Structures are given as structure tokens and as C-alpha cells.
Amino acid sequence: MRTDISKINESTPYTGLTEGLQIFAGGTTKYFNTGEWRNNTPVFHEDKCKQCLLCAPVCPDSCIPVVDGKRGEFDLDHCKGCGICVKNCPFGALEMKEGIN
């Protein structure tokens, strides 16, 4: 029996969860806000950003939107706070702050 993962939430009884809580379908992160897992939050300083876009492709959760060739604010609903983007920014336009903002 397959569980419809789009219907899993805090109120789902254990009998409605997937075996081992494993999900093998693609594109499922849009159903779950995993940003609450992070201990650190990235901060974007737009005034320092040169729009080189070196940060966007290294984000493992695709939390840095790029629209019309320009990066936008972080998608904090899904950002885990890993800091890879911060280490990849050569202009100091990104920094990590402790805590969930």
C-alpha cells in the first residue's frame, strides 16, 4: 500500500506513515517545511552582492532562488543552515547567524 505523502502532517496517526518514514518520490520537499531543523540561519546582504550567482548552484536544498539572472532572498522554509553558500561567496554578501530567524 502506498501512502499519499502530500497528506502526511502532525496529525497523521502512525498507521498512516510510510514504513520506516522513508519517502522515495521525487519533488516531495515542497510538502514539508524542513527549515525548522536548522540551528543557524543564512543572512543575505544585498548591498554586498555582485550577482555572481556562485552561491545558488552549491545549495543542496535549492534555497537560493534566481529569477531573471538575479538571486533573491533565501527560502528559509527549506534551508537547513549548512553554510555552504556562505563559504562559496567571495564578496562577503552572505553570513551565518546563530538560531532560527
PDB file of N, CA and C in Angstrom:
ATOM      1  N   MET A   1       0.833  -1.184   0.000  1.00  0.00           N
ATOM      2  CA  MET A   1       0.000   0.000   0.000  1.00  0.00           C
ATOM      3  C   MET A   1       0.882   1.253   0.000  1.00  0.00           C
ATOM      4  N   ARG A   2       0.628   2.172  -0.918  1.00  0.00           N
ATOM      5  CA  ARG A   2       1.381   3.428  -0.995  1.00  0.00           C
ATOM      6  C   ARG A   2       0.646   4.506  -0.221  1.00  0.00           C
ATOM      7  N   THR A   3       1.404   5.293   0.519  1.00  0.00           N
ATOM      8  CA  THR A   3       0.847   6.401   1.279  1.00  0.00           C
ATOM      9  C   THR A   3       0.969   7.670   0.454  1.00  0.00           C
ATOM     10  N   ASP A   4      -0.088   8.453   0.407  1.00  0.00           N
ATOM     11  CA  ASP A   4      -0.046   9.737  -0.284  1.00  0.00           C
ATOM     12  C   ASP A   4       0.693  10.722   0.626  1.00  0.00           C
ATOM     13  N   ILE A   5       1.960  10.979   0.308  1.00  0.00           N
ATOM     14  CA  ILE A   5       2.795  11.784   1.197  1.00  0.00           C
ATOM     15  C   ILE A   5       2.317  13.223   1.335  1.00  0.00           C
ATOM     16  N   SER A   6       1.539  13.705   0.389  1.00  0.00           N
ATOM     17  CA  SER A   6       1.052  15.081   0.493  1.00  0.00           C
ATOM     18  C   SER A   6       0.034  15.230   1.619  1.00  0.00           C
ATOM     19  N   LYS A   7      -0.443  14.108   2.158  1.00  0.00           N
ATOM     20  CA  LYS A   7      -1.434  14.152   3.228  1.00  0.00           C
ATOM     21  C   LYS A   7      -0.840  13.839   4.595  1.00  0.00           C
ATOM     22  N   ILE A   8       0.477  13.633   4.678  1.00  0.00           N
ATOM     23  CA  ILE A   8       1.126  13.377   5.959  1.00  0.00           C
ATOM     24  C   ILE A   8       1.376  14.709   6.659  1.00  0.00           C
ATOM     25  N   ASN A   9       0.969  14.806   7.919  1.00  0.00           N
ATOM     26  CA  ASN A   9       1.212  16.003   8.726  1.00  0.00           C
ATOM     27  C   ASN A   9       1.322  15.628  10.191  1.00  0.00           C
ATOM     28  N   GLU A  10       1.340  16.618  11.081  1.00  0.00           N
ATOM     29  CA  GLU A  10       1.499  16.365  12.514  1.00  0.00           C
ATOM     30  C   GLU A  10       0.375  15.516  13.099  1.00  0.00           C
ATOM     31  N   SER A  11      -0.782  15.528  12.464  1.00  0.00           N
ATOM     32  CA  SER A  11      -1.938  14.796  12.981  1.00  0.00           C
ATOM     33  C   SER A  11      -2.053  13.380  12.427  1.00  0.00           C
ATOM     34  N   THR A  12      -1.155  12.993  11.542  1.00  0.00           N
ATOM     35  CA  THR A  12      -1.226  11.671  10.928  1.00  0.00           C
ATOM     36  C   THR A  12      -0.915  10.591  11.962  1.00  0.00           C
ATOM     37  N   PRO A  13      -1.803   9.596  12.129  1.00  0.00           N
ATOM     38  CA  PRO A  13      -1.505   8.507  13.061  1.00  0.00           C
ATOM     39  C   PRO A  13      -0.370   7.643  12.517  1.00  0.00           C
ATOM     40  N   TYR A  14       0.296   6.919  13.386  1.00  0.00           N
ATOM     41  CA  TYR A  14       1.435   6.111  12.958  1.00  0.00           C
ATOM     42  C   TYR A  14       1.061   5.118  11.868  1.00  0.00           C
ATOM     43  N   THR A  15      -0.186   4.699  11.827  1.00  0.00           N
ATOM     44  CA  THR A  15      -0.612   3.745  10.804  1.00  0.00           C
ATOM     45  C   THR A  15      -0.683   4.386   9.417  1.00  0.00           C
ATOM     46  N   GLY A  16      -0.697   5.711   9.363  1.00  0.00           N
ATOM     47  CA  GLY A  16      -0.750   6.408   8.085  1.00  0.00           C
ATOM     48  C   GLY A  16       0.603   6.833   7.564  1.00  0.00           C
ATOM     49  N   LEU A  17       1.680   6.527   8.321  1.00  0.00           N
ATOM     50  CA  LEU A  17       3.022   6.906   7.899  1.00  0.00           C
ATOM     51  C   LEU A  17       3.626   5.838   6.995  1.00  0.00           C
ATOM     52  N   THR A  18       4.628   6.226   6.251  1.00  0.00           N
ATOM     53  CA  THR A  18       5.320   5.268   5.391  1.00  0.00           C
ATOM     54  C   THR A  18       6.217   4.376   6.250  1.00  0.00           C
ATOM     55  N   GLU A  19       6.471   3.179   5.791  1.00  0.00           N
ATOM     56  CA  GLU A  19       7.312   2.246   6.537  1.00  0.00           C
ATOM     57  C   GLU A  19       8.707   2.830   6.702  1.00  0.00           C
ATOM     58  N   GLY A  20       9.168   2.894   7.929  1.00  0.00           N
ATOM     59  CA  GLY A  20      10.482   3.452   8.214  1.00  0.00           C
ATOM     60  C   GLY A  20      10.569   4.945   7.952  1.00  0.00           C
ATOM     61  N   LEU A  21       9.435   5.595   7.774  1.00  0.00           N
ATOM     62  CA  LEU A  21       9.359   7.026   7.449  1.00  0.00           C
ATOM     63  C   LEU A  21      10.192   7.370   6.219  1.00  0.00           C
ATOM     64  N   GLN A  22      10.297   6.435   5.299  1.00  0.00           N
ATOM     65  CA  GLN A  22      11.064   6.644   4.078  1.00  0.00           C
ATOM     66  C   GLN A  22      10.144   7.115   2.964  1.00  0.00           C
ATOM     67  N   ILE A  23      10.646   8.070   2.195  1.00  0.00           N
ATOM     68  CA  ILE A  23       9.887   8.616   1.077  1.00  0.00           C
ATOM     69  C   ILE A  23      10.763   8.526  -0.158  1.00  0.00           C
ATOM     70  N   PHE A  24      10.285   7.851  -1.176  1.00  0.00           N
ATOM     71  CA  PHE A  24      11.085   7.629  -2.369  1.00  0.00           C
ATOM     72  C   PHE A  24      10.587   8.394  -3.588  1.00  0.00           C
ATOM     73  N   ALA A  25       9.612   9.243  -3.422  1.00  0.00           N
ATOM     74  CA  ALA A  25       9.092  10.019  -4.545  1.00  0.00           C
ATOM     75  C   ALA A  25       9.923  11.287  -4.726  1.00  0.00           C
ATOM     76  N   GLY A  26      10.060  11.746  -5.942  1.00  0.00           N
ATOM     77  CA  GLY A  26      10.788  12.975  -6.226  1.00  0.00           C
ATOM     78  C   GLY A  26       9.943  14.195  -5.958  1.00  0.00           C
ATOM     79  N   GLY A  27      10.588  15.320  -5.681  1.00  0.00           N
ATOM     80  CA  GLY A  27       9.892  16.583  -5.508  1.00  0.00           C
ATOM     81  C   GLY A  27       9.025  16.661  -4.276  1.00  0.00           C
ATOM     82  N   THR A  28       9.346  15.875  -3.252  1.00  0.00           N
ATOM     83  CA  THR A  28       8.483  15.840  -2.071  1.00  0.00           C
ATOM     84  C   THR A  28       8.761  16.951  -1.075  1.00  0.00           C
ATOM     85  N   THR A  29       9.891  17.629  -1.188  1.00  0.00           N
ATOM     86  CA  THR A  29      10.216  18.648  -0.193  1.00  0.00           C
ATOM     87  C   THR A  29       9.257  19.818  -0.216  1.00  0.00           C
ATOM     88  N   LYS A  30       8.551  20.010  -1.308  1.00  0.00           N
ATOM     89  CA  LYS A  30       7.597  21.110  -1.329  1.00  0.00           C
ATOM     90  C   LYS A  30       6.440  20.878  -0.359  1.00  0.00           C
ATOM     91  N   TYR A  31       6.255  19.627   0.068  1.00  0.00           N
ATOM     92  CA  TYR A  31       5.193  19.308   1.019  1.00  0.00           C
ATOM     93  C   TYR A  31       5.617  19.488   2.471  1.00  0.00           C
ATOM     94  N   PHE A  32       6.922  19.589   2.737  1.00  0.00           N
ATOM     95  CA  PHE A  32       7.423  19.626   4.097  1.00  0.00           C
ATOM     96  C   PHE A  32       8.354  20.817   4.289  1.00  0.00           C
ATOM     97  N   ASN A  33       8.100  21.635   5.296  1.00  0.00           N
ATOM     98  CA  ASN A  33       8.973  22.762   5.628  1.00  0.00           C
ATOM     99  C   ASN A  33      10.070  22.247   6.549  1.00  0.00           C
ATOM    100  N   THR A  34      11.210  21.954   5.968  1.00  0.00           N
ATOM    101  CA  THR A  34      12.312  21.354   6.719  1.00  0.00           C
ATOM    102  C   THR A  34      13.256  22.393   7.297  1.00  0.00           C
ATOM    103  N   GLY A  35      13.001  23.668   7.082  1.00  0.00           N
ATOM    104  CA  GLY A  35      13.858  24.724   7.599  1.00  0.00           C
ATOM    105  C   GLY A  35      13.880  24.806   9.115  1.00  0.00           C
ATOM    106  N   GLU A  36      12.870  24.238   9.763  1.00  0.00           N
ATOM    107  CA  GLU A  36      12.836  24.275  11.224  1.00  0.00           C
ATOM    108  C   GLU A  36      13.917  23.387  11.840  1.00  0.00           C
ATOM    109  N   TRP A  37      14.620  22.611  11.021  1.00  0.00           N
ATOM    110  CA  TRP A  37      15.697  21.747  11.522  1.00  0.00           C
ATOM    111  C   TRP A  37      16.976  22.531  11.787  1.00  0.00           C
ATOM    112  N   ARG A  38      17.135  23.692  11.191  1.00  0.00           N
ATOM    113  CA  ARG A  38      18.439  24.368  11.229  1.00  0.00           C
ATOM    114  C   ARG A  38      18.726  25.003  12.587  1.00  0.00           C
ATOM    115  N   ASN A  39      20.017  25.090  12.894  1.00  0.00           N
ATOM    116  CA  ASN A  39      20.494  25.760  14.101  1.00  0.00           C
ATOM    117  C   ASN A  39      21.060  27.134  13.770  1.00  0.00           C
ATOM    118  N   ASN A  40      21.444  27.333  12.511  1.00  0.00           N
ATOM    119  CA  ASN A  40      21.995  28.601  12.043  1.00  0.00           C
ATOM    120  C   ASN A  40      21.216  29.058  10.827  1.00  0.00           C
ATOM    121  N   THR A  41      21.135  30.364  10.656  1.00  0.00           N
ATOM    122  CA  THR A  41      20.354  30.926   9.555  1.00  0.00           C
ATOM    123  C   THR A  41      21.239  31.804   8.682  1.00  0.00           C
ATOM    124  N   PRO A  42      21.198  31.612   7.363  1.00  0.00           N
ATOM    125  CA  PRO A  42      21.972  32.479   6.475  1.00  0.00           C
ATOM    126  C   PRO A  42      21.309  33.848   6.340  1.00  0.00           C
ATOM    127  N   VAL A  43      22.145  34.872   6.222  1.00  0.00           N
ATOM    128  CA  VAL A  43      21.666  36.248   6.040  1.00  0.00           C
ATOM    129  C   VAL A  43      22.259  36.767   4.740  1.00  0.00           C
ATOM    130  N   PHE A  44      21.428  37.359   3.899  1.00  0.00           N
ATOM    131  CA  PHE A  44      21.820  37.894   2.599  1.00  0.00           C
ATOM    132  C   PHE A  44      21.968  39.404   2.707  1.00  0.00           C
ATOM    133  N   HIS A  45      23.168  39.918   2.395  1.00  0.00           N
ATOM    134  CA  HIS A  45      23.431  41.361   2.371  1.00  0.00           C
ATOM    135  C   HIS A  45      23.434  41.807   0.908  1.00  0.00           C
ATOM    136  N   GLU A  46      22.292  42.275   0.464  1.00  0.00           N
ATOM    137  CA  GLU A  46      22.103  42.626  -0.947  1.00  0.00           C
ATOM    138  C   GLU A  46      23.079  43.697  -1.417  1.00  0.00           C
ATOM    139  N   ASP A  47      23.453  44.625  -0.538  1.00  0.00           N
ATOM    140  CA  ASP A  47      24.358  45.708  -0.916  1.00  0.00           C
ATOM    141  C   ASP A  47      25.771  45.211  -1.239  1.00  0.00           C
ATOM    142  N   LYS A  48      26.160  44.056  -0.721  1.00  0.00           N
ATOM    143  CA  LYS A  48      27.483  43.486  -0.999  1.00  0.00           C
ATOM    144  C   LYS A  48      27.466  42.489  -2.153  1.00  0.00           C
ATOM    145  N   CYS A  49      26.289  42.060  -2.554  1.00  0.00           N
ATOM    146  CA  CYS A  49      26.151  41.019  -3.578  1.00  0.00           C
ATOM    147  C   CYS A  49      26.476  41.561  -4.969  1.00  0.00           C
ATOM    148  N   LYS A  50      27.314  40.836  -5.700  1.00  0.00           N
ATOM    149  CA  LYS A  50      27.701  41.209  -7.066  1.00  0.00           C
ATOM    150  C   LYS A  50      26.943  40.384  -8.114  1.00  0.00           C
ATOM    151  N   GLN A  51      25.977  39.604  -7.656  1.00  0.00           N
ATOM    152  CA  GLN A  51      25.158  38.765  -8.545  1.00  0.00           C
ATOM    153  C   GLN A  51      26.007  37.784  -9.363  1.00  0.00           C
ATOM    154  N   CYS A  52      27.061  37.276  -8.760  1.00  0.00           N
ATOM    155  CA  CYS A  52      27.894  36.278  -9.455  1.00  0.00           C
ATOM    156  C   CYS A  52      27.199  34.923  -9.498  1.00  0.00           C
ATOM    157  N   LEU A  53      26.235  34.722  -8.611  1.00  0.00           N
ATOM    158  CA  LEU A  53      25.421  33.505  -8.522  1.00  0.00           C
ATOM    159  C   LEU A  53      26.226  32.250  -8.190  1.00  0.00           C
ATOM    160  N   LEU A  54      27.392  32.412  -7.579  1.00  0.00           N
ATOM    161  CA  LEU A  54      28.181  31.247  -7.175  1.00  0.00           C
ATOM    162  C   LEU A  54      27.540  30.514  -6.001  1.00  0.00           C
ATOM    163  N   CYS A  55      26.661  31.180  -5.280  1.00  0.00           N
ATOM    164  CA  CYS A  55      26.015  30.570  -4.116  1.00  0.00           C
ATOM    165  C   CYS A  55      24.890  29.620  -4.504  1.00  0.00           C
ATOM    166  N   ALA A  56      24.134  29.956  -5.530  1.00  0.00           N
ATOM    167  CA  ALA A  56      22.932  29.201  -5.873  1.00  0.00           C
ATOM    168  C   ALA A  56      23.190  27.736  -6.242  1.00  0.00           C
ATOM    169  N   PRO A  57      24.141  27.426  -7.117  1.00  0.00           N
ATOM    170  CA  PRO A  57      24.285  26.021  -7.503  1.00  0.00           C
ATOM    171  C   PRO A  57      24.865  25.115  -6.412  1.00  0.00           C
ATOM    172  N   VAL A  58      25.485  25.679  -5.378  1.00  0.00           N
ATOM    173  CA  VAL A  58      26.056  24.836  -4.327  1.00  0.00           C
ATOM    174  C   VAL A  58      25.068  24.530  -3.207  1.00  0.00           C
ATOM    175  N   CYS A  59      23.940  25.187  -3.193  1.00  0.00           N
ATOM    176  CA  CYS A  59      22.942  24.935  -2.150  1.00  0.00           C
ATOM    177  C   CYS A  59      22.325  23.555  -2.354  1.00  0.00           C
ATOM    178  N   PRO A  60      22.503  22.649  -1.381  1.00  0.00           N
ATOM    179  CA  PRO A  60      21.974  21.292  -1.550  1.00  0.00           C
ATOM    180  C   PRO A  60      20.455  21.213  -1.509  1.00  0.00           C
ATOM    181  N   ASP A  61      19.803  22.268  -1.034  1.00  0.00           N
ATOM    182  CA  ASP A  61      18.342  22.254  -0.938  1.00  0.00           C
ATOM    183  C   ASP A  61      17.666  23.244  -1.880  1.00  0.00           C
ATOM    184  N   SER A  62      18.435  23.829  -2.800  1.00  0.00           N
ATOM    185  CA  SER A  62      17.897  24.793  -3.771  1.00  0.00           C
ATOM    186  C   SER A  62      17.114  25.906  -3.079  1.00  0.00           C
ATOM    187  N   CYS A  63      17.691  26.476  -2.041  1.00  0.00           N
ATOM    188  CA  CYS A  63      17.020  27.508  -1.249  1.00  0.00           C
ATOM    189  C   CYS A  63      17.380  28.927  -1.662  1.00  0.00           C
ATOM    190  N   ILE A  64      18.158  29.047  -2.739  1.00  0.00           N
ATOM    191  CA  ILE A  64      18.523  30.371  -3.219  1.00  0.00           C
ATOM    192  C   ILE A  64      17.877  30.571  -4.584  1.00  0.00           C
ATOM    193  N   PRO A  65      16.766  31.291  -4.618  1.00  0.00           N
ATOM    194  CA  PRO A  65      16.074  31.479  -5.886  1.00  0.00           C
ATOM    195  C   PRO A  65      16.822  32.442  -6.809  1.00  0.00           C
ATOM    196  N   VAL A  66      16.814  32.123  -8.084  1.00  0.00           N
ATOM    197  CA  VAL A  66      17.394  33.003  -9.102  1.00  0.00           C
ATOM    198  C   VAL A  66      16.292  33.289 -10.111  1.00  0.00           C
ATOM    199  N   VAL A  67      15.956  34.566 -10.246  1.00  0.00           N
ATOM    200  CA  VAL A  67      14.901  34.982 -11.171  1.00  0.00           C
ATOM    201  C   VAL A  67      15.465  36.072 -12.070  1.00  0.00           C
ATOM    202  N   ASP A  68      15.351  35.873 -13.349  1.00  0.00           N
ATOM    203  CA  ASP A  68      15.860  36.828 -14.342  1.00  0.00           C
ATOM    204  C   ASP A  68      17.342  37.144 -14.112  1.00  0.00           C
ATOM    205  N   GLY A  69      18.121  36.125 -13.762  1.00  0.00           N
ATOM    206  CA  GLY A  69      19.559  36.280 -13.589  1.00  0.00           C
ATOM    207  C   GLY A  69      19.999  36.952 -12.294  1.00  0.00           C
ATOM    208  N   LYS A  70      19.064  37.149 -11.361  1.00  0.00           N
ATOM    209  CA  LYS A  70      19.412  37.765 -10.076  1.00  0.00           C
ATOM    210  C   LYS A  70      18.940  36.871  -8.945  1.00  0.00           C
ATOM    211  N   ARG A  71      19.788  36.758  -7.927  1.00  0.00           N
ATOM    212  CA  ARG A  71      19.408  35.940  -6.777  1.00  0.00           C
ATOM    213  C   ARG A  71      18.455  36.707  -5.884  1.00  0.00           C
ATOM    214  N   GLY A  72      17.585  35.965  -5.215  1.00  0.00           N
ATOM    215  CA  GLY A  72      16.631  36.567  -4.296  1.00  0.00           C
ATOM    216  C   GLY A  72      16.937  36.184  -2.856  1.00  0.00           C
ATOM    217  N   GLU A  73      16.011  36.465  -1.979  1.00  0.00           N
ATOM    218  CA  GLU A  73      16.153  36.109  -0.566  1.00  0.00           C
ATOM    219  C   GLU A  73      16.088  34.586  -0.406  1.00  0.00           C
ATOM    220  N   PHE A  74      16.639  34.096   0.682  1.00  0.00           N
ATOM    221  CA  PHE A  74      16.649  32.664   0.955  1.00  0.00           C
ATOM    222  C   PHE A  74      15.246  32.113   1.147  1.00  0.00           C
ATOM    223  N   ASP A  75      15.044  30.881   0.739  1.00  0.00           N
ATOM    224  CA  ASP A  75      13.826  30.139   1.047  1.00  0.00           C
ATOM    225  C   ASP A  75      14.069  29.479   2.398  1.00  0.00           C
ATOM    226  N   LEU A  76      13.745  30.175   3.465  1.00  0.00           N
ATOM    227  CA  LEU A  76      14.025  29.685   4.811  1.00  0.00           C
ATOM    228  C   LEU A  76      13.078  28.575   5.244  1.00  0.00           C
ATOM    229  N   ASP A  77      12.019  28.338   4.486  1.00  0.00           N
ATOM    230  CA  ASP A  77      11.140  27.199   4.787  1.00  0.00           C
ATOM    231  C   ASP A  77      11.854  25.876   4.566  1.00  0.00           C
ATOM    232  N   HIS A  78      12.885  25.881   3.717  1.00  0.00           N
ATOM    233  CA  HIS A  78      13.570  24.636   3.382  1.00  0.00           C
ATOM    234  C   HIS A  78      15.065  24.645   3.676  1.00  0.00           C
ATOM    235  N   CYS A  79      15.638  25.791   3.990  1.00  0.00           N
ATOM    236  CA  CYS A  79      17.072  25.907   4.268  1.00  0.00           C
ATOM    237  C   CYS A  79      17.420  25.184   5.563  1.00  0.00           C
ATOM    238  N   LYS A  80      18.456  24.344   5.520  1.00  0.00           N
ATOM    239  CA  LYS A  80      18.897  23.597   6.705  1.00  0.00           C
ATOM    240  C   LYS A  80      20.020  24.317   7.451  1.00  0.00           C
ATOM    241  N   GLY A  81      20.520  25.440   6.914  1.00  0.00           N
ATOM    242  CA  GLY A  81      21.552  26.205   7.592  1.00  0.00           C
ATOM    243  C   GLY A  81      22.929  25.582   7.529  1.00  0.00           C
ATOM    244  N   CYS A  82      23.239  24.909   6.440  1.00  0.00           N
ATOM    245  CA  CYS A  82      24.527  24.206   6.324  1.00  0.00           C
ATOM    246  C   CYS A  82      25.702  25.166   6.145  1.00  0.00           C
ATOM    247  N   GLY A  83      25.467  26.347   5.556  1.00  0.00           N
ATOM    248  CA  GLY A  83      26.517  27.344   5.394  1.00  0.00           C
ATOM    249  C   GLY A  83      27.401  27.174   4.172  1.00  0.00           C
ATOM    250  N   ILE A  84      27.096  26.232   3.309  1.00  0.00           N
ATOM    251  CA  ILE A  84      27.903  26.033   2.098  1.00  0.00           C
ATOM    252  C   ILE A  84      27.887  27.293   1.236  1.00  0.00           C
ATOM    253  N   CYS A  85      26.751  27.934   1.133  1.00  0.00           N
ATOM    254  CA  CYS A  85      26.634  29.150   0.329  1.00  0.00           C
ATOM    255  C   CYS A  85      27.544  30.251   0.868  1.00  0.00           C
ATOM    256  N   VAL A  86      27.613  30.366   2.195  1.00  0.00           N
ATOM    257  CA  VAL A  86      28.436  31.398   2.828  1.00  0.00           C
ATOM    258  C   VAL A  86      29.913  31.182   2.494  1.00  0.00           C
ATOM    259  N   LYS A  87      30.353  29.939   2.561  1.00  0.00           N
ATOM    260  CA  LYS A  87      31.759  29.628   2.264  1.00  0.00           C
ATOM    261  C   LYS A  87      32.084  29.856   0.789  1.00  0.00           C
ATOM    262  N   ASN A  88      31.080  29.815  -0.062  1.00  0.00           N
ATOM    263  CA  ASN A  88      31.301  29.952  -1.501  1.00  0.00           C
ATOM    264  C   ASN A  88      31.210  31.398  -1.987  1.00  0.00           C
ATOM    265  N   CYS A  89      30.739  32.309  -1.155  1.00  0.00           N
ATOM    266  CA  CYS A  89      30.573  33.715  -1.568  1.00  0.00           C
ATOM    267  C   CYS A  89      31.893  34.472  -1.422  1.00  0.00           C
ATOM    268  N   PRO A  90      32.469  34.934  -2.544  1.00  0.00           N
ATOM    269  CA  PRO A  90      33.753  35.646  -2.472  1.00  0.00           C
ATOM    270  C   PRO A  90      33.620  37.114  -2.063  1.00  0.00           C
ATOM    271  N   PHE A  91      32.405  37.631  -1.919  1.00  0.00           N
ATOM    272  CA  PHE A  91      32.203  39.047  -1.653  1.00  0.00           C
ATOM    273  C   PHE A  91      31.680  39.362  -0.252  1.00  0.00           C
ATOM    274  N   GLY A  92      31.501  38.348   0.570  1.00  0.00           N
ATOM    275  CA  GLY A  92      31.007  38.570   1.928  1.00  0.00           C
ATOM    276  C   GLY A  92      29.564  39.015   1.988  1.00  0.00           C
ATOM    277  N   ALA A  93      28.788  38.667   0.958  1.00  0.00           N
ATOM    278  CA  ALA A  93      27.374  39.064   0.918  1.00  0.00           C
ATOM    279  C   ALA A  93      26.496  38.120   1.721  1.00  0.00           C
ATOM    280  N   LEU A  94      27.074  37.023   2.193  1.00  0.00           N
ATOM    281  CA  LEU A  94      26.314  36.053   2.988  1.00  0.00           C
ATOM    282  C   LEU A  94      27.045  35.812   4.307  1.00  0.00           C
ATOM    283  N   GLU A  95      26.269  35.627   5.357  1.00  0.00           N
ATOM    284  CA  GLU A  95      26.836  35.263   6.657  1.00  0.00           C
ATOM    285  C   GLU A  95      25.855  34.361   7.383  1.00  0.00           C
ATOM    286  N   MET A  96      26.356  33.634   8.358  1.00  0.00           N
ATOM    287  CA  MET A  96      25.504  32.773   9.159  1.00  0.00           C
ATOM    288  C   MET A  96      25.285  33.424  10.517  1.00  0.00           C
ATOM    289  N   LYS A  97      24.039  33.403  10.949  1.00  0.00           N
ATOM    290  CA  LYS A  97      23.661  33.881  12.282  1.00  0.00           C
ATOM    291  C   LYS A  97      23.174  32.684  13.087  1.00  0.00           C
ATOM    292  N   GLU A  98      23.501  32.655  14.358  1.00  0.00           N
ATOM    293  CA  GLU A  98      23.065  31.563  15.207  1.00  0.00           C
ATOM    294  C   GLU A  98      21.570  31.664  15.456  1.00  0.00           C
ATOM    295  N   GLY A  99      20.897  30.531  15.400  1.00  0.00           N
ATOM    296  CA  GLY A  99      19.475  30.467  15.687  1.00  0.00           C
ATOM    297  C   GLY A  99      18.625  30.435  14.442  1.00  0.00           C
ATOM    298  N   ILE A 100      17.331  30.229  14.676  1.00  0.00           N
ATOM    299  CA  ILE A 100      16.354  30.194  13.586  1.00  0.00           C
ATOM    300  C   ILE A 100      15.651  31.549  13.568  1.00  0.00           C
ATOM    301  N   ASN A 101      15.769  32.250  12.482  1.00  0.00           N
ATOM    302  CA  ASN A 101      15.127  33.573  12.387  1.00  0.00           C
ATOM    303  C   ASN A 101      13.776  33.498  11.768  1.00  0.00           C
TER     304      ASN A 101
END
